[in-house]
Amino acid sequence: MNLLIPLYVYPLDDREAWTAATRLGSDATIIVNVHNGPGERYDPAYAYATAALAAAGVPMLGYVDLDYAARTLEAVYADITAWRLYPVGGVFFDRVPSESDALSWTALATAPVRGRVALNPGTRPHPGYAALADVICTFEGPWTTYRRQPAEPDWPNAAHLVYGIPPDDLPAAQRRLERRVPTGLASELDVPEPYRGLPTGLRGTAAVR
C-alpha cells in the first residue's frame, strides 16, 4: 500500500527521522508542515531536508490549513504560493469541511494547486469531495475508534490515518488498513503529537514496496 506520512517534527530536532524518510522510496508521501503551513519565512532547515527527500525520489505534499472553511481564500492562496519555495509535489489540505454547503468553497480553495491534492476532513464527507482530490482522508483518529468500524473497503481514493496502536496490535491494524484503503498510515505514535517523528517500524526501512 502507499504510505501517507505526516512528518511534523523540525528537521534539526529529529535528524534521524528525516534521514530515515529518505529511504522510504516513491511509495511513501511525506506531508511537510513548517508552521501550520509553509510558515512566514523560508526555513533553511526545511529547505535542506526537503531537498534530500526530493533527491531520494520521495514525494512530498505541503500542509495548508483550511480551518473548516473559516480562513479566507486569500490566506489559503498565499500558503499555496509559499509552498512553491520548497520541492513539494502538491498540497495536503487539513481541517477540510465535510458538509455539502462548503463544497464549492473547497473547490475554489484547492483550484490553484499545481500537482497533487490531498484533502483531510478526517471523516467521510459529502461524496462530492472525492472528485476534488487525488487522495482524501476519510478517517483520522485513534486505533480504539478505528478497530470498531466496519472493515469494508472505502472510496477508491480514500486514505486513513490511524495512530495510538499498541505494538501487539500493529499487524492486525495494518491488515485492516490494507483491506480498506490503498493509502494510509498505521502508527504506534499517539496524542498529543501523533505525527512528531516516524513510527518505529519505518525508521529502519530500506524501501517501501
N, C-alpha and C. Protein backbone atom coordinates (compact mmCIF):
# COMPACT_ATOMS: atom_id res chain seq x y z
N MET A 1 0.84 -1.18 0.00
CA MET A 1 0.00 0.00 0.00
C MET A 1 0.88 1.24 0.00
N ASN A 2 0.29 2.37 -0.39
CA ASN A 2 1.01 3.63 -0.38
C ASN A 2 0.93 4.25 1.02
N LEU A 3 2.05 4.73 1.48
CA LEU A 3 2.09 5.38 2.79
C LEU A 3 1.85 6.87 2.65
N LEU A 4 1.08 7.42 3.56
CA LEU A 4 0.89 8.86 3.68
C LEU A 4 1.33 9.23 5.08
N ILE A 5 2.44 9.99 5.18
CA ILE A 5 3.10 10.18 6.47
C ILE A 5 3.20 11.66 6.82
N PRO A 6 2.39 12.14 7.76
CA PRO A 6 2.62 13.48 8.30
C PRO A 6 3.90 13.46 9.15
N LEU A 7 4.89 14.23 8.74
CA LEU A 7 6.17 14.28 9.47
C LEU A 7 6.30 15.68 10.07
N TYR A 8 5.65 15.86 11.22
CA TYR A 8 5.52 17.19 11.81
C TYR A 8 6.54 17.37 12.94
N VAL A 9 7.79 17.17 12.60
CA VAL A 9 8.87 17.41 13.55
C VAL A 9 9.94 18.22 12.84
N TYR A 10 10.51 19.18 13.55
CA TYR A 10 11.52 20.04 12.95
C TYR A 10 12.74 19.21 12.57
N PRO A 11 13.28 19.40 11.37
CA PRO A 11 14.40 18.56 10.92
C PRO A 11 15.60 18.55 11.85
N LEU A 12 15.89 19.67 12.51
CA LEU A 12 17.04 19.71 13.41
C LEU A 12 16.73 19.07 14.76
N ASP A 13 15.45 18.85 15.06
CA ASP A 13 15.07 18.20 16.32
C ASP A 13 15.06 16.68 16.21
N ASP A 14 14.94 16.16 14.99
CA ASP A 14 14.92 14.71 14.79
C ASP A 14 15.54 14.40 13.43
N ARG A 15 16.85 14.56 13.35
CA ARG A 15 17.56 14.30 12.10
C ARG A 15 17.38 12.85 11.65
N GLU A 16 17.32 11.94 12.65
CA GLU A 16 17.19 10.51 12.32
C GLU A 16 15.91 10.23 11.55
N ALA A 17 14.80 10.87 11.97
CA ALA A 17 13.52 10.63 11.29
C ALA A 17 13.57 11.12 9.85
N TRP A 18 14.13 12.31 9.63
CA TRP A 18 14.19 12.85 8.27
C TRP A 18 15.15 12.04 7.39
N THR A 19 16.25 11.57 7.97
CA THR A 19 17.17 10.73 7.21
C THR A 19 16.51 9.40 6.85
N ALA A 20 15.80 8.81 7.81
CA ALA A 20 15.09 7.55 7.54
C ALA A 20 14.03 7.75 6.46
N ALA A 21 13.39 8.91 6.43
CA ALA A 21 12.36 9.16 5.43
C ALA A 21 12.92 9.14 4.01
N THR A 22 14.20 9.51 3.85
CA THR A 22 14.79 9.47 2.51
C THR A 22 14.93 8.05 1.99
N ARG A 23 14.84 7.05 2.86
CA ARG A 23 14.98 5.65 2.45
C ARG A 23 13.63 4.98 2.16
N LEU A 24 12.54 5.74 2.25
CA LEU A 24 11.23 5.11 2.14
C LEU A 24 10.79 4.83 0.71
N GLY A 25 11.36 5.53 -0.26
CA GLY A 25 11.02 5.25 -1.65
C GLY A 25 9.81 6.01 -2.13
N SER A 26 9.44 5.75 -3.37
CA SER A 26 8.39 6.52 -4.03
C SER A 26 6.98 6.10 -3.64
N ASP A 27 6.83 5.02 -2.88
CA ASP A 27 5.51 4.59 -2.44
C ASP A 27 5.11 5.22 -1.11
N ALA A 28 5.93 6.13 -0.61
CA ALA A 28 5.60 6.89 0.59
C ALA A 28 5.55 8.37 0.24
N THR A 29 4.54 9.06 0.73
CA THR A 29 4.42 10.51 0.55
C THR A 29 4.53 11.17 1.90
N ILE A 30 5.46 12.11 2.01
CA ILE A 30 5.68 12.83 3.26
C ILE A 30 4.91 14.14 3.24
N ILE A 31 4.15 14.42 4.29
CA ILE A 31 3.48 15.71 4.44
C ILE A 31 4.40 16.61 5.26
N VAL A 32 4.79 17.72 4.66
CA VAL A 32 5.72 18.66 5.27
C VAL A 32 4.93 19.82 5.87
N ASN A 33 5.22 20.14 7.12
CA ASN A 33 4.49 21.20 7.82
C ASN A 33 5.49 22.07 8.56
N VAL A 34 5.82 23.23 8.01
CA VAL A 34 6.81 24.11 8.62
C VAL A 34 6.23 24.76 9.87
N HIS A 35 5.10 25.40 9.76
CA HIS A 35 4.45 26.02 10.92
C HIS A 35 2.97 26.19 10.59
N ASN A 36 2.21 25.10 10.77
CA ASN A 36 0.80 25.08 10.36
C ASN A 36 0.64 25.58 8.94
N GLY A 37 1.55 25.18 8.09
CA GLY A 37 1.61 25.63 6.71
C GLY A 37 3.06 25.86 6.33
N PRO A 38 3.33 26.71 5.34
CA PRO A 38 4.70 26.95 4.92
C PRO A 38 5.48 27.88 5.83
N GLY A 39 4.81 28.49 6.80
CA GLY A 39 5.48 29.44 7.69
C GLY A 39 5.59 30.81 7.05
N GLU A 40 5.98 31.77 7.86
CA GLU A 40 6.05 33.16 7.37
C GLU A 40 7.35 33.46 6.64
N ARG A 41 8.35 32.61 6.83
CA ARG A 41 9.63 32.86 6.15
C ARG A 41 10.24 31.53 5.73
N TYR A 42 11.07 31.60 4.73
CA TYR A 42 11.79 30.43 4.20
C TYR A 42 12.72 29.88 5.27
N ASP A 43 12.65 28.58 5.51
CA ASP A 43 13.44 27.96 6.58
C ASP A 43 14.52 27.07 5.96
N PRO A 44 15.80 27.42 6.11
CA PRO A 44 16.88 26.63 5.51
C PRO A 44 16.90 25.18 5.96
N ALA A 45 16.50 24.92 7.22
CA ALA A 45 16.49 23.53 7.70
C ALA A 45 15.49 22.70 6.91
N TYR A 46 14.33 23.25 6.66
CA TYR A 46 13.35 22.54 5.84
C TYR A 46 13.78 22.48 4.38
N ALA A 47 14.45 23.53 3.92
CA ALA A 47 14.94 23.52 2.54
C ALA A 47 15.91 22.36 2.33
N TYR A 48 16.82 22.17 3.27
CA TYR A 48 17.80 21.09 3.17
C TYR A 48 17.11 19.72 3.28
N ALA A 49 16.19 19.59 4.25
CA ALA A 49 15.54 18.30 4.47
C ALA A 49 14.66 17.90 3.29
N THR A 50 13.93 18.86 2.73
CA THR A 50 13.06 18.53 1.59
C THR A 50 13.87 18.29 0.33
N ALA A 51 15.00 18.98 0.18
CA ALA A 51 15.87 18.72 -0.97
C ALA A 51 16.41 17.30 -0.92
N ALA A 52 16.75 16.83 0.29
CA ALA A 52 17.24 15.46 0.44
C ALA A 52 16.16 14.45 0.07
N LEU A 53 14.93 14.71 0.48
CA LEU A 53 13.83 13.81 0.12
C LEU A 53 13.60 13.81 -1.39
N ALA A 54 13.63 15.01 -1.98
CA ALA A 54 13.43 15.10 -3.44
C ALA A 54 14.52 14.35 -4.19
N ALA A 55 15.76 14.47 -3.73
CA ALA A 55 16.87 13.78 -4.39
C ALA A 55 16.72 12.26 -4.28
N ALA A 56 16.08 11.81 -3.19
CA ALA A 56 15.88 10.37 -2.98
C ALA A 56 14.62 9.86 -3.66
N GLY A 57 13.87 10.75 -4.32
CA GLY A 57 12.67 10.32 -5.03
C GLY A 57 11.46 10.09 -4.15
N VAL A 58 11.45 10.72 -2.96
CA VAL A 58 10.31 10.58 -2.05
C VAL A 58 9.34 11.74 -2.28
N PRO A 59 8.11 11.48 -2.68
CA PRO A 59 7.14 12.56 -2.93
C PRO A 59 6.79 13.30 -1.63
N MET A 60 6.44 14.57 -1.78
CA MET A 60 6.06 15.41 -0.64
C MET A 60 4.84 16.24 -0.98
N LEU A 61 4.07 16.55 0.06
CA LEU A 61 2.95 17.48 -0.02
C LEU A 61 3.14 18.54 1.05
N GLY A 62 2.82 19.78 0.73
CA GLY A 62 2.90 20.86 1.69
C GLY A 62 1.58 21.04 2.42
N TYR A 63 1.67 21.26 3.72
CA TYR A 63 0.49 21.37 4.58
C TYR A 63 -0.16 22.75 4.46
N VAL A 64 -1.48 22.78 4.27
CA VAL A 64 -2.25 24.02 4.28
C VAL A 64 -3.52 23.77 5.10
N ASP A 65 -3.76 24.65 6.06
CA ASP A 65 -4.92 24.54 6.95
C ASP A 65 -6.10 25.29 6.35
N LEU A 66 -7.25 24.61 6.21
CA LEU A 66 -8.46 25.27 5.74
C LEU A 66 -9.36 25.74 6.89
N ASP A 67 -9.09 25.24 8.11
CA ASP A 67 -9.87 25.64 9.29
C ASP A 67 -11.37 25.53 9.02
N TYR A 68 -11.74 24.43 8.37
CA TYR A 68 -13.15 24.12 8.10
C TYR A 68 -13.88 25.28 7.40
N ALA A 69 -13.18 25.88 6.43
CA ALA A 69 -13.70 26.98 5.60
C ALA A 69 -13.78 28.31 6.34
N ALA A 70 -13.12 28.41 7.50
CA ALA A 70 -13.12 29.68 8.24
C ALA A 70 -12.04 30.64 7.76
N ARG A 71 -11.00 30.14 7.07
CA ARG A 71 -9.96 31.02 6.55
C ARG A 71 -10.43 31.71 5.28
N THR A 72 -9.80 32.83 4.97
CA THR A 72 -10.12 33.49 3.72
C THR A 72 -9.42 32.78 2.57
N LEU A 73 -10.00 32.88 1.40
CA LEU A 73 -9.35 32.29 0.23
C LEU A 73 -8.00 32.95 -0.02
N GLU A 74 -7.88 34.23 0.27
CA GLU A 74 -6.60 34.93 0.07
C GLU A 74 -5.51 34.31 0.94
N ALA A 75 -5.84 33.99 2.19
CA ALA A 75 -4.85 33.37 3.09
C ALA A 75 -4.47 31.98 2.61
N VAL A 76 -5.46 31.22 2.15
CA VAL A 76 -5.18 29.88 1.62
C VAL A 76 -4.30 29.97 0.39
N TYR A 77 -4.61 30.89 -0.52
CA TYR A 77 -3.82 31.04 -1.74
C TYR A 77 -2.40 31.47 -1.43
N ALA A 78 -2.22 32.31 -0.41
CA ALA A 78 -0.88 32.74 -0.03
C ALA A 78 -0.05 31.55 0.45
N ASP A 79 -0.66 30.64 1.20
CA ASP A 79 0.06 29.44 1.65
C ASP A 79 0.42 28.54 0.47
N ILE A 80 -0.51 28.36 -0.45
CA ILE A 80 -0.23 27.53 -1.63
C ILE A 80 0.95 28.09 -2.41
N THR A 81 0.96 29.40 -2.60
CA THR A 81 2.05 30.04 -3.33
C THR A 81 3.37 29.90 -2.58
N ALA A 82 3.35 30.05 -1.26
CA ALA A 82 4.58 29.97 -0.47
C ALA A 82 5.20 28.59 -0.55
N TRP A 83 4.40 27.56 -0.71
CA TRP A 83 4.97 26.21 -0.79
C TRP A 83 5.80 26.01 -2.05
N ARG A 84 5.69 26.88 -3.02
CA ARG A 84 6.49 26.75 -4.24
C ARG A 84 7.96 27.02 -3.98
N LEU A 85 8.30 27.50 -2.78
CA LEU A 85 9.70 27.69 -2.41
C LEU A 85 10.37 26.36 -2.04
N TYR A 86 9.58 25.34 -1.82
CA TYR A 86 10.09 24.02 -1.43
C TYR A 86 9.71 23.00 -2.52
N PRO A 87 10.43 21.89 -2.62
CA PRO A 87 10.19 20.94 -3.72
C PRO A 87 9.05 19.97 -3.46
N VAL A 88 7.90 20.49 -3.04
CA VAL A 88 6.75 19.63 -2.81
C VAL A 88 6.00 19.42 -4.13
N GLY A 89 5.29 18.32 -4.22
CA GLY A 89 4.59 17.98 -5.45
C GLY A 89 3.10 18.19 -5.38
N GLY A 90 2.65 18.97 -4.40
CA GLY A 90 1.23 19.22 -4.24
C GLY A 90 0.95 19.71 -2.84
N VAL A 91 -0.32 19.67 -2.45
CA VAL A 91 -0.75 20.23 -1.18
C VAL A 91 -1.63 19.24 -0.43
N PHE A 92 -1.40 19.16 0.88
CA PHE A 92 -2.24 18.42 1.80
C PHE A 92 -3.07 19.44 2.58
N PHE A 93 -4.38 19.47 2.30
CA PHE A 93 -5.27 20.41 2.97
C PHE A 93 -5.84 19.75 4.22
N ASP A 94 -5.61 20.37 5.37
CA ASP A 94 -6.08 19.82 6.64
C ASP A 94 -7.31 20.60 7.11
N ARG A 95 -8.03 19.98 8.06
CA ARG A 95 -9.25 20.56 8.61
C ARG A 95 -10.18 21.03 7.50
N VAL A 96 -10.43 20.09 6.60
CA VAL A 96 -11.30 20.33 5.45
C VAL A 96 -12.75 20.16 5.90
N PRO A 97 -13.65 21.04 5.47
CA PRO A 97 -15.06 20.83 5.82
C PRO A 97 -15.60 19.57 5.16
N SER A 98 -16.71 19.07 5.66
CA SER A 98 -17.28 17.85 5.11
C SER A 98 -18.71 18.00 4.62
N GLU A 99 -19.31 19.16 4.86
CA GLU A 99 -20.71 19.36 4.51
C GLU A 99 -20.85 19.80 3.06
N SER A 100 -22.02 19.52 2.49
CA SER A 100 -22.26 19.84 1.09
C SER A 100 -22.23 21.35 0.84
N ASP A 101 -22.61 22.17 1.83
CA ASP A 101 -22.68 23.61 1.58
C ASP A 101 -21.30 24.27 1.50
N ALA A 102 -20.24 23.54 1.88
CA ALA A 102 -18.88 24.08 1.76
C ALA A 102 -18.12 23.49 0.58
N LEU A 103 -18.81 22.68 -0.22
CA LEU A 103 -18.15 22.00 -1.34
C LEU A 103 -17.63 23.00 -2.37
N SER A 104 -18.42 23.98 -2.73
CA SER A 104 -17.98 24.97 -3.74
C SER A 104 -16.81 25.78 -3.22
N TRP A 105 -16.85 26.16 -1.94
CA TRP A 105 -15.74 26.92 -1.35
C TRP A 105 -14.46 26.09 -1.39
N THR A 106 -14.55 24.82 -1.06
CA THR A 106 -13.36 23.96 -1.06
C THR A 106 -12.81 23.80 -2.47
N ALA A 107 -13.69 23.71 -3.45
CA ALA A 107 -13.23 23.62 -4.84
C ALA A 107 -12.45 24.88 -5.22
N LEU A 108 -12.91 26.04 -4.80
CA LEU A 108 -12.18 27.28 -5.07
C LEU A 108 -10.85 27.31 -4.32
N ALA A 109 -10.86 26.85 -3.08
CA ALA A 109 -9.64 26.89 -2.26
C ALA A 109 -8.54 26.02 -2.84
N THR A 110 -8.90 24.91 -3.43
CA THR A 110 -7.90 23.96 -3.92
C THR A 110 -7.52 24.20 -5.38
N ALA A 111 -8.25 25.06 -6.07
CA ALA A 111 -8.07 25.24 -7.51
C ALA A 111 -6.66 25.66 -7.93
N PRO A 112 -5.93 26.51 -7.17
CA PRO A 112 -4.61 26.95 -7.65
C PRO A 112 -3.48 25.93 -7.52
N VAL A 113 -3.74 24.76 -6.94
CA VAL A 113 -2.66 23.82 -6.68
C VAL A 113 -2.07 23.29 -7.99
N ARG A 114 -0.75 23.31 -8.04
CA ARG A 114 -0.02 22.69 -9.15
C ARG A 114 0.49 21.34 -8.65
N GLY A 115 -0.15 20.28 -9.04
CA GLY A 115 0.27 18.97 -8.58
C GLY A 115 -0.86 18.26 -7.86
N ARG A 116 -0.49 17.34 -6.97
CA ARG A 116 -1.46 16.50 -6.28
C ARG A 116 -2.22 17.28 -5.21
N VAL A 117 -3.46 16.89 -5.02
CA VAL A 117 -4.31 17.46 -3.98
C VAL A 117 -4.74 16.35 -3.04
N ALA A 118 -4.47 16.56 -1.74
CA ALA A 118 -4.97 15.66 -0.70
C ALA A 118 -5.85 16.47 0.23
N LEU A 119 -7.00 15.93 0.55
CA LEU A 119 -7.94 16.58 1.47
C LEU A 119 -8.07 15.75 2.73
N ASN A 120 -8.12 16.42 3.87
CA ASN A 120 -8.27 15.72 5.13
C ASN A 120 -9.41 16.29 5.96
N PRO A 121 -10.64 15.83 5.69
CA PRO A 121 -11.73 16.16 6.60
C PRO A 121 -11.69 15.31 7.87
N GLY A 122 -10.94 14.20 7.82
CA GLY A 122 -10.81 13.33 8.98
C GLY A 122 -11.99 12.40 9.20
N THR A 123 -13.00 12.55 8.37
CA THR A 123 -14.19 11.71 8.41
C THR A 123 -14.72 11.61 6.99
N ARG A 124 -15.66 10.72 6.76
CA ARG A 124 -16.19 10.61 5.40
C ARG A 124 -17.10 11.80 5.12
N PRO A 125 -16.73 12.64 4.13
CA PRO A 125 -17.51 13.83 3.85
C PRO A 125 -18.60 13.56 2.82
N HIS A 126 -19.26 14.62 2.40
CA HIS A 126 -20.20 14.52 1.28
C HIS A 126 -19.47 13.91 0.08
N PRO A 127 -20.12 13.02 -0.67
CA PRO A 127 -19.42 12.33 -1.77
C PRO A 127 -18.78 13.27 -2.80
N GLY A 128 -19.28 14.48 -2.94
CA GLY A 128 -18.72 15.40 -3.91
C GLY A 128 -17.28 15.77 -3.65
N TYR A 129 -16.83 15.64 -2.41
CA TYR A 129 -15.44 15.98 -2.09
C TYR A 129 -14.44 15.02 -2.74
N ALA A 130 -14.85 13.80 -2.97
CA ALA A 130 -13.93 12.81 -3.52
C ALA A 130 -13.39 13.23 -4.88
N ALA A 131 -14.23 13.92 -5.66
CA ALA A 131 -13.81 14.34 -7.01
C ALA A 131 -12.83 15.51 -6.98
N LEU A 132 -12.67 16.16 -5.84
CA LEU A 132 -11.77 17.31 -5.75
C LEU A 132 -10.33 16.91 -5.45
N ALA A 133 -10.08 15.64 -5.13
CA ALA A 133 -8.78 15.26 -4.60
C ALA A 133 -8.23 14.01 -5.26
N ASP A 134 -6.90 13.94 -5.29
CA ASP A 134 -6.24 12.69 -5.65
C ASP A 134 -6.33 11.70 -4.50
N VAL A 135 -6.24 12.22 -3.28
CA VAL A 135 -6.34 11.42 -2.06
C VAL A 135 -7.23 12.17 -1.08
N ILE A 136 -8.14 11.46 -0.42
CA ILE A 136 -8.99 12.10 0.57
C ILE A 136 -9.01 11.26 1.84
N CYS A 137 -8.64 11.86 2.95
CA CYS A 137 -8.57 11.16 4.23
C CYS A 137 -9.97 11.12 4.85
N THR A 138 -10.58 9.97 4.79
CA THR A 138 -11.93 9.81 5.31
C THR A 138 -11.93 9.27 6.74
N PHE A 139 -10.75 9.00 7.28
CA PHE A 139 -10.62 8.68 8.70
C PHE A 139 -9.28 9.19 9.20
N GLU A 140 -9.31 9.89 10.32
CA GLU A 140 -8.10 10.21 11.08
C GLU A 140 -8.46 10.09 12.55
N GLY A 141 -7.75 9.22 13.25
CA GLY A 141 -8.07 9.05 14.65
C GLY A 141 -7.36 7.87 15.27
N PRO A 142 -7.69 7.57 16.52
CA PRO A 142 -7.00 6.51 17.26
C PRO A 142 -7.48 5.11 16.88
N TRP A 143 -6.63 4.16 17.16
CA TRP A 143 -6.94 2.76 16.90
C TRP A 143 -8.17 2.31 17.68
N THR A 144 -8.38 2.82 18.88
CA THR A 144 -9.54 2.42 19.67
C THR A 144 -10.85 2.71 18.94
N THR A 145 -10.86 3.76 18.12
CA THR A 145 -12.04 4.08 17.31
C THR A 145 -12.04 3.28 16.01
N TYR A 146 -10.89 3.20 15.37
CA TYR A 146 -10.80 2.55 14.07
C TYR A 146 -11.16 1.07 14.13
N ARG A 147 -10.75 0.42 15.19
CA ARG A 147 -10.99 -1.03 15.28
C ARG A 147 -12.47 -1.36 15.44
N ARG A 148 -13.27 -0.39 15.83
CA ARG A 148 -14.71 -0.62 16.00
C ARG A 148 -15.50 -0.37 14.72
N GLN A 149 -14.83 0.17 13.70
CA GLN A 149 -15.53 0.47 12.46
C GLN A 149 -15.61 -0.77 11.56
N PRO A 150 -16.63 -0.82 10.70
CA PRO A 150 -16.71 -1.92 9.74
C PRO A 150 -15.46 -1.96 8.86
N ALA A 151 -15.05 -3.13 8.45
CA ALA A 151 -13.79 -3.29 7.72
C ALA A 151 -13.96 -3.34 6.22
N GLU A 152 -15.10 -2.90 5.69
CA GLU A 152 -15.28 -2.97 4.24
C GLU A 152 -14.46 -1.89 3.54
N PRO A 153 -14.15 -2.08 2.25
CA PRO A 153 -13.35 -1.10 1.51
C PRO A 153 -14.02 0.28 1.47
N ASP A 154 -13.20 1.30 1.53
CA ASP A 154 -13.64 2.68 1.47
C ASP A 154 -13.60 3.15 0.01
N TRP A 155 -13.75 4.46 -0.22
CA TRP A 155 -13.68 5.01 -1.57
C TRP A 155 -12.36 4.66 -2.23
N PRO A 156 -12.32 4.60 -3.55
CA PRO A 156 -11.08 4.22 -4.25
C PRO A 156 -9.89 5.15 -3.99
N ASN A 157 -10.14 6.44 -3.71
CA ASN A 157 -9.03 7.36 -3.44
C ASN A 157 -8.95 7.75 -1.97
N ALA A 158 -9.56 6.93 -1.11
CA ALA A 158 -9.56 7.23 0.32
C ALA A 158 -8.24 6.88 0.97
N ALA A 159 -7.95 7.56 2.07
CA ALA A 159 -6.80 7.26 2.92
C ALA A 159 -7.25 7.31 4.37
N HIS A 160 -6.59 6.51 5.20
CA HIS A 160 -6.87 6.51 6.63
C HIS A 160 -5.58 6.73 7.41
N LEU A 161 -5.64 7.60 8.41
CA LEU A 161 -4.50 7.86 9.30
C LEU A 161 -4.89 7.37 10.68
N VAL A 162 -4.24 6.30 11.13
CA VAL A 162 -4.59 5.65 12.39
C VAL A 162 -3.37 5.70 13.32
N TYR A 163 -3.57 6.22 14.50
CA TYR A 163 -2.46 6.34 15.45
C TYR A 163 -2.85 5.73 16.80
N GLY A 164 -1.88 5.70 17.72
CA GLY A 164 -2.14 5.16 19.04
C GLY A 164 -2.36 3.66 19.05
N ILE A 165 -1.65 2.94 18.17
CA ILE A 165 -1.83 1.48 18.07
C ILE A 165 -0.81 0.79 18.99
N PRO A 166 -1.25 -0.01 19.93
CA PRO A 166 -0.30 -0.76 20.75
C PRO A 166 0.56 -1.66 19.87
N PRO A 167 1.83 -1.83 20.21
CA PRO A 167 2.72 -2.65 19.37
C PRO A 167 2.16 -4.03 19.03
N ASP A 168 1.49 -4.69 19.98
CA ASP A 168 0.95 -6.02 19.71
C ASP A 168 -0.19 -6.00 18.70
N ASP A 169 -0.83 -4.84 18.54
CA ASP A 169 -1.96 -4.73 17.61
C ASP A 169 -1.55 -4.24 16.23
N LEU A 170 -0.30 -3.86 16.05
CA LEU A 170 0.12 -3.27 14.77
C LEU A 170 -0.11 -4.20 13.57
N PRO A 171 0.21 -5.49 13.64
CA PRO A 171 -0.06 -6.35 12.48
C PRO A 171 -1.54 -6.39 12.10
N ALA A 172 -2.42 -6.51 13.09
CA ALA A 172 -3.85 -6.53 12.81
C ALA A 172 -4.31 -5.19 12.25
N ALA A 173 -3.79 -4.11 12.79
CA ALA A 173 -4.17 -2.78 12.31
C ALA A 173 -3.73 -2.58 10.86
N GLN A 174 -2.53 -3.05 10.54
CA GLN A 174 -2.03 -2.91 9.17
C GLN A 174 -2.88 -3.72 8.20
N ARG A 175 -3.27 -4.93 8.59
CA ARG A 175 -4.11 -5.76 7.72
C ARG A 175 -5.47 -5.10 7.49
N ARG A 176 -6.05 -4.55 8.55
CA ARG A 176 -7.34 -3.88 8.41
C ARG A 176 -7.22 -2.66 7.50
N LEU A 177 -6.15 -1.90 7.69
CA LEU A 177 -5.92 -0.72 6.86
C LEU A 177 -5.81 -1.10 5.38
N GLU A 178 -5.04 -2.14 5.09
CA GLU A 178 -4.82 -2.55 3.70
C GLU A 178 -6.09 -3.11 3.06
N ARG A 179 -6.99 -3.69 3.86
CA ARG A 179 -8.27 -4.16 3.32
C ARG A 179 -9.18 -3.00 2.95
N ARG A 180 -9.02 -1.87 3.63
CA ARG A 180 -9.98 -0.79 3.48
C ARG A 180 -9.57 0.28 2.48
N VAL A 181 -8.28 0.59 2.41
CA VAL A 181 -7.84 1.72 1.59
C VAL A 181 -6.51 1.42 0.90
N PRO A 182 -6.23 2.13 -0.22
CA PRO A 182 -4.94 1.97 -0.88
C PRO A 182 -3.84 2.83 -0.30
N THR A 183 -4.20 3.78 0.57
CA THR A 183 -3.24 4.75 1.09
C THR A 183 -3.51 5.00 2.57
N GLY A 184 -2.45 5.14 3.37
CA GLY A 184 -2.68 5.46 4.77
C GLY A 184 -1.47 5.24 5.63
N LEU A 185 -1.72 5.23 6.94
CA LEU A 185 -0.65 5.06 7.92
C LEU A 185 -1.23 4.40 9.16
N ALA A 186 -0.52 3.38 9.66
CA ALA A 186 -0.83 2.76 10.94
C ALA A 186 0.39 2.99 11.84
N SER A 187 0.18 3.71 12.94
CA SER A 187 1.32 4.17 13.75
C SER A 187 1.08 3.94 15.23
N GLU A 188 2.16 3.62 15.93
CA GLU A 188 2.08 3.49 17.37
C GLU A 188 2.20 4.84 18.08
N LEU A 189 2.64 5.87 17.37
CA LEU A 189 2.72 7.20 17.97
C LEU A 189 1.32 7.66 18.37
N ASP A 190 1.24 8.50 19.40
CA ASP A 190 -0.07 8.80 19.97
C ASP A 190 -0.18 10.27 20.33
N VAL A 191 -1.39 10.66 20.70
CA VAL A 191 -1.63 12.03 21.14
C VAL A 191 -0.78 12.32 22.38
N PRO A 192 -0.38 13.56 22.59
CA PRO A 192 -0.85 14.77 21.92
C PRO A 192 -0.15 15.10 20.60
N GLU A 193 0.90 14.36 20.23
CA GLU A 193 1.62 14.66 18.99
C GLU A 193 1.87 13.37 18.21
N PRO A 194 0.81 12.85 17.58
CA PRO A 194 0.94 11.55 16.90
C PRO A 194 1.79 11.59 15.64
N TYR A 195 2.17 12.78 15.18
CA TYR A 195 2.96 12.87 13.95
C TYR A 195 4.33 13.51 14.19
N ARG A 196 4.74 13.54 15.43
CA ARG A 196 6.05 14.11 15.75
C ARG A 196 7.12 13.03 15.59
N GLY A 197 7.52 12.80 14.36
CA GLY A 197 8.52 11.77 14.07
C GLY A 197 7.95 10.68 13.19
N LEU A 198 8.75 9.65 12.99
CA LEU A 198 8.33 8.48 12.21
C LEU A 198 7.99 7.33 13.14
N PRO A 199 6.99 6.52 12.77
CA PRO A 199 6.76 5.30 13.53
C PRO A 199 8.03 4.45 13.57
N THR A 200 8.21 3.73 14.64
CA THR A 200 9.42 2.95 14.85
C THR A 200 9.69 2.00 13.68
N GLY A 201 8.66 1.38 13.18
CA GLY A 201 8.84 0.40 12.10
C GLY A 201 9.35 0.98 10.80
N LEU A 202 9.25 2.30 10.63
CA LEU A 202 9.70 2.93 9.40
C LEU A 202 11.09 3.53 9.52
N ARG A 203 11.61 3.65 10.71
CA ARG A 203 12.91 4.30 10.89
C ARG A 203 14.04 3.47 10.31
N GLY A 204 13.89 2.16 10.27
CA GLY A 204 14.97 1.35 9.72
C GLY A 204 14.63 0.77 8.37
N THR A 205 13.54 1.25 7.74
CA THR A 205 13.11 0.69 6.47
C THR A 205 14.02 1.10 5.34
N ALA A 206 14.48 0.14 4.56
CA ALA A 206 15.33 0.46 3.41
C ALA A 206 14.49 1.01 2.27
N ALA A 207 13.32 0.44 2.06
CA ALA A 207 12.43 0.92 1.00
C ALA A 207 11.06 0.34 1.23
N VAL A 208 10.04 1.06 0.84
CA VAL A 208 8.67 0.58 0.94
C VAL A 208 8.23 0.11 -0.43
N ARG A 209 7.80 -1.09 -0.51
CA ARG A 209 7.37 -1.64 -1.80
C ARG A 209 6.04 -2.38 -1.63
